[in-house]
């Protein structure tokens, strides 16, 4: 037997304000439906003088960087790289592998990742002190069987071993071309 009361349903849904923009949605509490931004937005790419993530000001809809801008920054940065001149501390073979993987990834997944909110550190991040533990490109290596689903990447490495990486894991890592 169905216990659905349409009058009760209408009452509950009339209490929630109409959401007319992304900014309103971001400032709307999910349980109460009341306005009031209880969450703070942080820029994971910049730190304040105390080493803390810098709080972003303003309308949440205006804070997000457009995917076209992010994609262009990635494209310009990769186009400027020279396969014969690695960043200090990176082996020449690893450097070429990073560039080749980055170009392959950008061509097949760049637009999707930019739309899904991946950051430069998530994708191109590099840790000189921990090889193969940086961003997605560093971890991918020579694998070319990537599945990118929103903010999660999965691929097979060394046969049947399934590797996973989530966007947001290391947004502050410097890109491999900035590593020193």
N, C-alpha and C. Protein backbone atom coordinates (compact mmCIF):
# COMPACT_ATOMS: atom_id res chain seq x y z
N UNK A 1 0.84 -1.18 0.00
CA UNK A 1 0.00 0.00 0.00
C UNK A 1 0.89 1.25 0.00
N UNK A 2 0.55 2.19 -0.79
CA UNK A 2 1.31 3.42 -0.92
C UNK A 2 0.83 4.44 0.10
N UNK A 3 1.76 4.95 0.91
CA UNK A 3 1.44 5.96 1.92
C UNK A 3 1.98 7.31 1.49
N UNK A 4 1.50 7.80 0.40
CA UNK A 4 1.97 9.08 -0.12
C UNK A 4 0.89 10.13 0.09
N UNK A 5 1.26 11.19 0.79
CA UNK A 5 0.32 12.28 1.03
C UNK A 5 0.75 13.47 0.18
N UNK A 6 0.07 13.76 -0.91
CA UNK A 6 0.49 14.85 -1.79
C UNK A 6 0.42 16.21 -1.13
N UNK A 7 -0.49 16.41 -0.19
CA UNK A 7 -0.59 17.70 0.50
C UNK A 7 0.63 17.94 1.39
N UNK A 8 1.05 16.89 2.08
CA UNK A 8 2.25 17.01 2.92
C UNK A 8 3.49 17.27 2.06
N UNK A 9 3.57 16.57 0.92
CA UNK A 9 4.70 16.75 0.02
C UNK A 9 4.76 18.20 -0.47
N UNK A 10 3.62 18.77 -0.84
CA UNK A 10 3.58 20.16 -1.31
C UNK A 10 4.00 21.13 -0.21
N UNK A 11 3.54 20.90 1.03
CA UNK A 11 3.91 21.77 2.14
C UNK A 11 5.42 21.75 2.37
N UNK A 12 6.01 20.56 2.36
CA UNK A 12 7.45 20.44 2.59
C UNK A 12 8.25 21.12 1.50
N UNK A 13 7.82 21.01 0.28
CA UNK A 13 8.58 21.57 -0.83
C UNK A 13 8.30 23.05 -1.08
N UNK A 14 7.24 23.58 -0.50
CA UNK A 14 7.00 25.01 -0.64
C UNK A 14 7.85 25.80 0.35
N UNK A 15 8.37 25.16 1.39
CA UNK A 15 9.21 25.84 2.38
C UNK A 15 10.61 26.13 1.84
N UNK A 16 11.05 25.34 0.87
CA UNK A 16 12.38 25.50 0.32
C UNK A 16 12.35 26.64 -0.70
N UNK A 17 13.27 27.62 -0.55
CA UNK A 17 13.26 28.73 -1.50
C UNK A 17 13.66 28.27 -2.89
N UNK A 18 13.20 28.97 -3.89
CA UNK A 18 13.56 28.66 -5.26
C UNK A 18 15.04 29.01 -5.46
N UNK A 19 15.74 28.10 -6.06
CA UNK A 19 17.16 28.32 -6.29
C UNK A 19 17.33 28.79 -7.73
N UNK A 20 17.77 30.03 -7.87
CA UNK A 20 17.81 30.61 -9.20
C UNK A 20 19.22 30.72 -9.78
N UNK A 21 20.25 30.48 -8.97
CA UNK A 21 21.61 30.60 -9.51
C UNK A 21 22.54 29.67 -8.74
N UNK A 22 23.72 29.48 -9.31
CA UNK A 22 24.73 28.66 -8.66
C UNK A 22 25.14 29.26 -7.32
N UNK A 23 25.21 30.59 -7.26
CA UNK A 23 25.58 31.25 -6.01
C UNK A 23 24.54 30.99 -4.93
N UNK A 24 23.27 31.04 -5.31
CA UNK A 24 22.19 30.76 -4.35
C UNK A 24 22.27 29.31 -3.89
N UNK A 25 22.52 28.42 -4.83
CA UNK A 25 22.65 27.00 -4.48
C UNK A 25 23.79 26.78 -3.50
N UNK A 26 24.93 27.42 -3.75
CA UNK A 26 26.09 27.26 -2.88
C UNK A 26 25.84 27.82 -1.49
N UNK A 27 24.98 28.82 -1.40
CA UNK A 27 24.72 29.46 -0.12
C UNK A 27 23.50 28.87 0.58
N UNK A 28 22.88 27.87 0.00
CA UNK A 28 21.68 27.28 0.58
C UNK A 28 22.05 26.05 1.39
N UNK A 29 21.61 26.01 2.63
CA UNK A 29 21.89 24.86 3.50
C UNK A 29 21.11 23.67 2.98
N UNK A 30 21.76 22.50 2.78
CA UNK A 30 21.08 21.37 2.16
C UNK A 30 19.95 20.77 2.98
N UNK A 31 20.00 20.86 4.30
CA UNK A 31 18.97 20.24 5.12
C UNK A 31 17.80 21.19 5.39
N UNK A 32 18.10 22.44 5.68
CA UNK A 32 17.03 23.35 6.05
C UNK A 32 16.48 24.12 4.86
N UNK A 33 17.29 24.25 3.80
CA UNK A 33 16.86 25.02 2.65
C UNK A 33 16.92 26.52 2.90
N UNK A 34 17.45 26.91 4.05
CA UNK A 34 17.52 28.33 4.40
C UNK A 34 18.77 28.95 3.80
N UNK A 35 18.69 30.23 3.51
CA UNK A 35 19.83 30.96 2.97
C UNK A 35 20.84 31.23 4.09
N UNK A 36 22.07 31.39 3.71
CA UNK A 36 23.11 31.69 4.69
C UNK A 36 24.29 30.79 4.46
N UNK A 37 25.37 31.34 4.01
CA UNK A 37 26.53 30.54 3.68
C UNK A 37 27.27 30.15 4.95
N UNK A 38 27.13 28.88 5.34
CA UNK A 38 27.82 28.38 6.53
C UNK A 38 29.18 27.79 6.18
N UNK A 39 29.45 27.66 4.89
CA UNK A 39 30.71 27.07 4.46
C UNK A 39 31.61 28.16 3.92
N UNK A 40 32.89 27.94 4.09
CA UNK A 40 33.87 28.87 3.55
C UNK A 40 34.52 28.23 2.34
N UNK A 41 34.84 29.05 1.37
CA UNK A 41 35.52 28.58 0.18
C UNK A 41 37.00 28.90 0.29
N UNK A 42 37.86 27.95 -0.10
CA UNK A 42 39.29 28.14 -0.01
C UNK A 42 39.93 27.91 -1.37
N UNK A 43 41.00 28.64 -1.64
CA UNK A 43 41.77 28.46 -2.85
C UNK A 43 42.92 27.53 -2.51
N UNK A 44 42.84 26.31 -3.01
CA UNK A 44 43.88 25.34 -2.66
C UNK A 44 45.18 25.59 -3.42
N UNK A 45 45.18 26.55 -4.33
CA UNK A 45 46.41 26.85 -5.06
C UNK A 45 47.21 27.99 -4.45
N UNK A 46 46.69 28.66 -3.42
CA UNK A 46 47.48 29.73 -2.81
C UNK A 46 47.34 29.69 -1.29
N UNK A 47 48.43 30.02 -0.63
CA UNK A 47 48.48 29.98 0.83
C UNK A 47 48.70 31.39 1.36
N UNK A 48 48.21 31.66 2.58
CA UNK A 48 48.44 32.97 3.18
C UNK A 48 49.80 32.97 3.89
N UNK A 49 50.10 34.05 4.61
CA UNK A 49 51.40 34.19 5.26
C UNK A 49 51.66 33.13 6.34
N UNK A 50 50.62 32.49 6.87
CA UNK A 50 50.78 31.45 7.89
C UNK A 50 50.83 30.05 7.29
N UNK A 51 50.81 29.96 5.96
CA UNK A 51 50.83 28.65 5.33
C UNK A 51 49.47 27.99 5.26
N UNK A 52 48.41 28.73 5.58
CA UNK A 52 47.04 28.21 5.53
C UNK A 52 46.44 28.51 4.16
N UNK A 53 45.47 27.70 3.76
CA UNK A 53 44.79 27.96 2.50
C UNK A 53 44.07 29.31 2.59
N UNK A 54 44.20 30.10 1.55
CA UNK A 54 43.61 31.43 1.50
C UNK A 54 42.10 31.32 1.27
N UNK A 55 41.32 32.01 2.13
CA UNK A 55 39.88 32.01 1.98
C UNK A 55 39.49 32.91 0.82
N UNK A 56 38.58 32.43 -0.01
CA UNK A 56 38.13 33.19 -1.16
C UNK A 56 36.96 34.08 -0.76
N UNK A 57 36.92 35.23 -1.35
CA UNK A 57 35.87 36.20 -1.08
C UNK A 57 34.93 36.24 -2.27
N UNK A 58 33.71 36.57 -2.01
CA UNK A 58 32.77 36.84 -3.10
C UNK A 58 31.84 35.71 -3.43
N UNK A 59 31.20 35.91 -4.52
CA UNK A 59 30.17 35.02 -5.02
C UNK A 59 30.78 33.69 -5.45
N UNK A 60 30.30 32.56 -4.91
CA UNK A 60 30.88 31.26 -5.28
C UNK A 60 30.83 30.98 -6.78
N UNK A 61 29.84 31.49 -7.47
CA UNK A 61 29.74 31.26 -8.90
C UNK A 61 30.87 31.96 -9.65
N UNK A 62 31.40 33.03 -9.08
CA UNK A 62 32.46 33.78 -9.75
C UNK A 62 33.85 33.29 -9.36
N UNK A 63 33.94 32.48 -8.31
CA UNK A 63 35.23 32.03 -7.80
C UNK A 63 35.82 30.94 -8.70
N UNK A 64 34.99 30.03 -9.19
CA UNK A 64 35.48 28.94 -10.01
C UNK A 64 36.07 29.48 -11.32
N UNK A 65 37.23 28.95 -11.70
CA UNK A 65 37.87 29.39 -12.94
C UNK A 65 37.23 28.64 -14.10
N UNK A 66 36.93 29.33 -15.16
CA UNK A 66 36.32 28.67 -16.33
C UNK A 66 37.21 27.58 -16.90
N UNK A 67 36.60 26.51 -17.36
CA UNK A 67 37.35 25.38 -17.91
C UNK A 67 38.22 25.80 -19.09
N UNK A 68 37.74 26.73 -19.92
CA UNK A 68 38.53 27.18 -21.07
C UNK A 68 39.84 27.83 -20.63
N UNK A 69 39.79 28.59 -19.53
CA UNK A 69 40.99 29.26 -19.02
C UNK A 69 41.99 28.22 -18.51
N UNK A 70 41.50 27.26 -17.75
CA UNK A 70 42.37 26.22 -17.20
C UNK A 70 43.00 25.41 -18.33
N UNK A 71 42.20 25.02 -19.30
CA UNK A 71 42.69 24.23 -20.42
C UNK A 71 43.75 25.00 -21.22
N UNK A 72 43.51 26.28 -21.42
CA UNK A 72 44.49 27.10 -22.14
C UNK A 72 45.80 27.19 -21.36
N UNK A 73 45.73 27.38 -20.04
CA UNK A 73 46.95 27.44 -19.22
C UNK A 73 47.75 26.14 -19.34
N UNK A 74 47.05 25.01 -19.29
CA UNK A 74 47.73 23.73 -19.42
C UNK A 74 48.39 23.61 -20.79
N UNK A 75 47.66 23.96 -21.84
CA UNK A 75 48.17 23.85 -23.20
C UNK A 75 49.40 24.73 -23.41
N UNK A 76 49.33 25.96 -22.95
CA UNK A 76 50.46 26.90 -23.11
C UNK A 76 51.67 26.41 -22.33
N UNK A 77 51.46 25.94 -21.11
CA UNK A 77 52.58 25.44 -20.29
C UNK A 77 53.25 24.25 -20.94
N UNK A 78 52.46 23.30 -21.45
CA UNK A 78 53.04 22.11 -22.08
C UNK A 78 53.73 22.44 -23.40
N UNK A 79 53.18 23.38 -24.17
CA UNK A 79 53.78 23.76 -25.44
C UNK A 79 55.15 24.41 -25.25
N UNK A 80 55.36 25.03 -24.11
CA UNK A 80 56.62 25.73 -23.84
C UNK A 80 57.74 24.79 -23.38
N UNK A 81 57.42 23.53 -23.12
CA UNK A 81 58.43 22.61 -22.59
C UNK A 81 59.35 22.07 -23.68
N UNK A 82 60.60 21.84 -23.31
CA UNK A 82 61.60 21.27 -24.20
C UNK A 82 61.95 19.88 -23.67
N UNK A 83 61.71 18.86 -24.48
CA UNK A 83 61.98 17.49 -24.06
C UNK A 83 63.43 17.21 -23.72
N UNK A 84 64.34 18.06 -24.20
CA UNK A 84 65.76 17.87 -23.94
C UNK A 84 66.28 18.64 -22.75
N UNK A 85 65.43 19.47 -22.13
CA UNK A 85 65.87 20.29 -20.99
C UNK A 85 64.95 20.05 -19.79
N UNK A 86 65.22 19.00 -19.02
CA UNK A 86 64.37 18.72 -17.86
C UNK A 86 64.55 19.73 -16.73
N UNK A 87 63.54 19.82 -15.90
CA UNK A 87 63.65 20.64 -14.69
C UNK A 87 64.73 20.04 -13.80
N UNK A 88 65.38 20.87 -12.98
CA UNK A 88 66.43 20.35 -12.09
C UNK A 88 65.91 19.22 -11.21
N UNK A 89 66.67 18.16 -11.13
CA UNK A 89 66.32 17.03 -10.26
C UNK A 89 65.50 15.96 -10.94
N UNK A 90 65.08 16.17 -12.20
CA UNK A 90 64.28 15.17 -12.91
C UNK A 90 65.13 14.53 -14.00
N UNK A 91 65.19 13.22 -13.99
CA UNK A 91 65.93 12.46 -14.98
C UNK A 91 65.38 12.74 -16.38
N UNK A 92 66.27 12.79 -17.37
CA UNK A 92 65.87 13.11 -18.75
C UNK A 92 64.82 12.14 -19.28
N UNK A 93 64.96 10.85 -19.00
CA UNK A 93 63.99 9.84 -19.47
C UNK A 93 62.62 10.08 -18.81
N UNK A 94 62.62 10.34 -17.52
CA UNK A 94 61.37 10.61 -16.79
C UNK A 94 60.73 11.89 -17.33
N UNK A 95 61.55 12.90 -17.59
CA UNK A 95 61.07 14.18 -18.13
C UNK A 95 60.31 13.97 -19.46
N UNK A 96 60.93 13.21 -20.37
CA UNK A 96 60.28 12.96 -21.66
C UNK A 96 59.00 12.16 -21.48
N UNK A 97 59.03 11.21 -20.56
CA UNK A 97 57.84 10.40 -20.28
C UNK A 97 56.71 11.28 -19.74
N UNK A 98 57.04 12.22 -18.85
CA UNK A 98 56.04 13.13 -18.31
C UNK A 98 55.42 14.01 -19.40
N UNK A 99 56.26 14.50 -20.30
CA UNK A 99 55.76 15.35 -21.39
C UNK A 99 54.88 14.54 -22.33
N UNK A 100 55.33 13.36 -22.74
CA UNK A 100 54.55 12.51 -23.65
C UNK A 100 53.20 12.13 -23.04
N UNK A 101 53.22 11.73 -21.78
CA UNK A 101 51.98 11.36 -21.10
C UNK A 101 51.06 12.57 -20.98
N UNK A 102 51.61 13.73 -20.67
CA UNK A 102 50.82 14.95 -20.52
C UNK A 102 50.13 15.32 -21.82
N UNK A 103 50.86 15.24 -22.94
CA UNK A 103 50.28 15.58 -24.23
C UNK A 103 49.18 14.58 -24.62
N UNK A 104 49.43 13.29 -24.37
CA UNK A 104 48.42 12.27 -24.63
C UNK A 104 47.17 12.54 -23.78
N UNK A 105 47.39 12.80 -22.50
CA UNK A 105 46.27 13.05 -21.58
C UNK A 105 45.50 14.31 -21.96
N UNK A 106 46.22 15.40 -22.26
CA UNK A 106 45.57 16.66 -22.60
C UNK A 106 44.68 16.50 -23.82
N UNK A 107 45.16 15.77 -24.81
CA UNK A 107 44.40 15.55 -26.03
C UNK A 107 43.12 14.75 -25.78
N UNK A 108 43.19 13.75 -24.94
CA UNK A 108 42.05 12.87 -24.72
C UNK A 108 41.17 13.21 -23.53
N UNK A 109 41.73 13.86 -22.51
CA UNK A 109 41.00 14.06 -21.26
C UNK A 109 41.03 15.48 -20.72
N UNK A 110 41.79 16.37 -21.35
CA UNK A 110 41.97 17.72 -20.84
C UNK A 110 40.68 18.51 -20.66
N UNK A 111 39.83 18.52 -21.70
CA UNK A 111 38.58 19.28 -21.61
C UNK A 111 37.68 18.75 -20.50
N UNK A 112 37.54 17.44 -20.45
CA UNK A 112 36.69 16.83 -19.43
C UNK A 112 37.22 17.14 -18.03
N UNK A 113 38.51 17.01 -17.82
CA UNK A 113 39.10 17.27 -16.50
C UNK A 113 38.94 18.72 -16.10
N UNK A 114 39.14 19.64 -17.04
CA UNK A 114 38.97 21.06 -16.73
C UNK A 114 37.53 21.36 -16.33
N UNK A 115 36.58 20.77 -17.04
CA UNK A 115 35.16 20.95 -16.69
C UNK A 115 34.83 20.35 -15.33
N UNK A 116 35.48 19.22 -15.02
CA UNK A 116 35.20 18.52 -13.76
C UNK A 116 35.93 19.11 -12.56
N UNK A 117 36.76 20.14 -12.79
CA UNK A 117 37.40 20.83 -11.67
C UNK A 117 38.77 20.31 -11.25
N UNK A 118 39.42 19.54 -12.08
CA UNK A 118 40.77 19.09 -11.75
C UNK A 118 41.69 20.30 -11.76
N UNK A 119 42.63 20.32 -10.85
CA UNK A 119 43.59 21.43 -10.75
C UNK A 119 44.95 21.00 -11.28
N UNK A 120 45.78 21.97 -11.55
CA UNK A 120 47.11 21.70 -12.12
C UNK A 120 47.90 20.73 -11.24
N UNK A 121 47.90 20.93 -9.93
CA UNK A 121 48.63 20.03 -9.04
C UNK A 121 48.09 18.61 -9.06
N UNK A 122 46.78 18.47 -9.19
CA UNK A 122 46.18 17.14 -9.27
C UNK A 122 46.65 16.38 -10.50
N UNK A 123 46.76 17.08 -11.60
CA UNK A 123 47.11 16.44 -12.87
C UNK A 123 48.62 16.35 -13.07
N UNK A 124 49.31 17.48 -12.97
CA UNK A 124 50.73 17.55 -13.34
C UNK A 124 51.66 17.63 -12.13
N UNK A 125 51.13 17.51 -10.93
CA UNK A 125 51.95 17.63 -9.73
C UNK A 125 53.09 16.63 -9.69
N UNK A 126 54.20 17.07 -9.10
CA UNK A 126 55.40 16.22 -9.07
C UNK A 126 56.11 16.39 -7.74
N UNK A 127 56.58 15.27 -7.19
CA UNK A 127 57.31 15.28 -5.93
C UNK A 127 58.70 14.71 -6.18
N UNK A 128 59.71 15.59 -6.13
CA UNK A 128 61.09 15.14 -6.37
C UNK A 128 61.52 14.10 -5.34
N UNK A 129 61.04 14.25 -4.11
CA UNK A 129 61.46 13.35 -3.04
C UNK A 129 60.69 12.03 -3.02
N UNK A 130 59.60 11.91 -3.78
CA UNK A 130 58.78 10.69 -3.81
C UNK A 130 58.38 10.38 -5.25
N UNK A 131 59.24 9.69 -6.01
CA UNK A 131 58.92 9.37 -7.39
C UNK A 131 57.63 8.55 -7.51
N UNK A 132 56.87 8.84 -8.54
CA UNK A 132 55.59 8.16 -8.85
C UNK A 132 54.53 8.35 -7.77
N UNK A 133 54.68 9.38 -6.94
CA UNK A 133 53.68 9.67 -5.92
C UNK A 133 53.18 11.12 -6.03
N UNK A 134 53.25 11.66 -7.22
CA UNK A 134 52.78 13.02 -7.46
C UNK A 134 51.36 13.01 -7.97
N UNK A 135 51.12 13.85 -8.96
CA UNK A 135 49.79 13.95 -9.56
C UNK A 135 49.50 12.80 -10.51
N UNK A 136 48.40 12.92 -11.21
CA UNK A 136 47.94 11.85 -12.09
C UNK A 136 48.96 11.47 -13.15
N UNK A 137 49.55 12.44 -13.83
CA UNK A 137 50.50 12.15 -14.91
C UNK A 137 51.72 11.42 -14.38
N UNK A 138 52.24 11.83 -13.24
CA UNK A 138 53.39 11.17 -12.63
C UNK A 138 53.06 9.71 -12.30
N UNK A 139 51.87 9.46 -11.84
CA UNK A 139 51.47 8.10 -11.46
C UNK A 139 51.14 7.24 -12.68
N UNK A 140 50.59 7.85 -13.72
CA UNK A 140 50.23 7.10 -14.93
C UNK A 140 51.44 6.48 -15.60
N UNK A 141 52.52 7.25 -15.67
CA UNK A 141 53.71 6.75 -16.34
C UNK A 141 53.44 6.46 -17.80
N UNK A 142 53.68 5.22 -18.23
CA UNK A 142 53.47 4.86 -19.64
C UNK A 142 52.11 4.20 -19.88
N UNK A 143 51.29 4.07 -18.87
CA UNK A 143 49.96 3.46 -19.04
C UNK A 143 49.10 4.36 -19.92
N UNK A 144 48.35 3.74 -20.84
CA UNK A 144 47.48 4.51 -21.73
C UNK A 144 46.07 3.91 -21.76
N UNK A 145 45.62 3.46 -20.60
CA UNK A 145 44.28 2.87 -20.50
C UNK A 145 43.47 3.54 -19.40
N UNK A 146 43.42 4.84 -19.45
CA UNK A 146 42.82 5.65 -18.39
C UNK A 146 41.30 5.73 -18.54
N UNK A 147 40.62 5.68 -17.41
CA UNK A 147 39.19 5.94 -17.34
C UNK A 147 39.03 7.12 -16.39
N UNK A 148 38.53 8.23 -16.89
CA UNK A 148 38.34 9.43 -16.08
C UNK A 148 36.84 9.61 -15.89
N UNK A 149 36.41 9.54 -14.64
CA UNK A 149 34.99 9.63 -14.32
C UNK A 149 34.81 10.71 -13.26
N UNK A 150 34.46 11.92 -13.68
CA UNK A 150 34.32 13.02 -12.74
C UNK A 150 35.66 13.35 -12.12
N UNK A 151 35.74 13.22 -10.81
CA UNK A 151 36.98 13.54 -10.11
C UNK A 151 37.77 12.29 -9.71
N UNK A 152 37.52 11.18 -10.39
CA UNK A 152 38.24 9.94 -10.11
C UNK A 152 38.84 9.39 -11.40
N UNK A 153 40.10 8.99 -11.30
CA UNK A 153 40.80 8.37 -12.43
C UNK A 153 41.16 6.94 -12.05
N UNK A 154 41.01 6.03 -13.02
CA UNK A 154 41.38 4.63 -12.81
C UNK A 154 42.11 4.13 -14.05
N UNK A 155 43.10 3.27 -13.83
CA UNK A 155 43.85 2.66 -14.94
C UNK A 155 44.50 1.39 -14.46
N UNK A 156 44.90 0.56 -15.41
CA UNK A 156 45.60 -0.68 -15.09
C UNK A 156 47.09 -0.46 -15.26
N UNK A 157 47.82 -0.96 -14.29
CA UNK A 157 49.27 -0.84 -14.32
C UNK A 157 49.88 -2.18 -13.97
N UNK A 158 50.90 -2.58 -14.67
CA UNK A 158 51.59 -3.85 -14.41
C UNK A 158 50.62 -5.02 -14.44
N UNK A 159 49.91 -5.17 -15.54
CA UNK A 159 48.99 -6.30 -15.68
C UNK A 159 47.61 -5.99 -15.13
N UNK A 160 47.25 -6.66 -14.05
CA UNK A 160 45.89 -6.55 -13.54
C UNK A 160 45.73 -5.59 -12.38
N UNK A 161 46.79 -4.94 -11.95
CA UNK A 161 46.70 -4.02 -10.82
C UNK A 161 45.95 -2.76 -11.22
N UNK A 162 44.81 -2.50 -10.57
CA UNK A 162 44.03 -1.30 -10.87
C UNK A 162 44.47 -0.17 -9.96
N UNK A 163 44.88 0.91 -10.58
CA UNK A 163 45.33 2.09 -9.84
C UNK A 163 44.20 3.11 -9.83
N UNK A 164 44.14 3.91 -8.74
CA UNK A 164 43.11 4.93 -8.61
C UNK A 164 43.75 6.23 -8.13
N UNK A 165 43.16 7.34 -8.56
CA UNK A 165 43.60 8.65 -8.11
C UNK A 165 42.40 9.58 -8.12
N UNK A 166 42.25 10.37 -7.07
CA UNK A 166 41.13 11.30 -6.96
C UNK A 166 41.61 12.74 -7.07
N UNK A 167 40.88 13.54 -7.85
CA UNK A 167 41.17 14.97 -7.91
C UNK A 167 40.99 15.55 -6.52
N UNK A 168 41.83 16.49 -6.17
CA UNK A 168 41.77 17.10 -4.84
C UNK A 168 42.74 16.47 -3.87
N UNK A 169 43.39 15.38 -4.28
CA UNK A 169 44.32 14.70 -3.38
C UNK A 169 45.56 15.56 -3.13
N UNK A 170 46.10 16.18 -4.16
CA UNK A 170 47.32 16.98 -4.03
C UNK A 170 47.23 18.27 -4.85
N UNK A 171 46.27 19.14 -4.60
CA UNK A 171 46.14 20.33 -5.45
C UNK A 171 47.29 21.32 -5.31
N UNK A 172 48.04 21.27 -4.21
CA UNK A 172 49.12 22.24 -3.99
C UNK A 172 50.45 21.80 -4.58
N UNK A 173 50.54 20.59 -5.09
CA UNK A 173 51.81 20.13 -5.65
C UNK A 173 52.21 21.00 -6.84
N UNK A 174 53.50 21.32 -6.94
CA UNK A 174 53.93 22.09 -8.11
C UNK A 174 53.91 21.19 -9.35
N UNK A 175 53.61 21.78 -10.48
CA UNK A 175 53.63 21.03 -11.74
C UNK A 175 55.06 20.56 -12.00
N UNK A 176 55.21 19.47 -12.74
CA UNK A 176 56.55 18.92 -12.94
C UNK A 176 57.49 19.90 -13.62
N UNK A 177 56.99 20.83 -14.40
CA UNK A 177 57.85 21.82 -15.05
C UNK A 177 58.26 22.94 -14.08
N UNK A 178 57.65 22.98 -12.90
CA UNK A 178 58.02 23.96 -11.88
C UNK A 178 58.79 23.34 -10.73
N UNK A 179 58.95 22.02 -10.75
CA UNK A 179 59.62 21.32 -9.65
C UNK A 179 61.08 21.71 -9.57
N UNK A 180 61.55 21.96 -8.35
CA UNK A 180 62.98 22.25 -8.13
C UNK A 180 63.38 21.90 -6.73
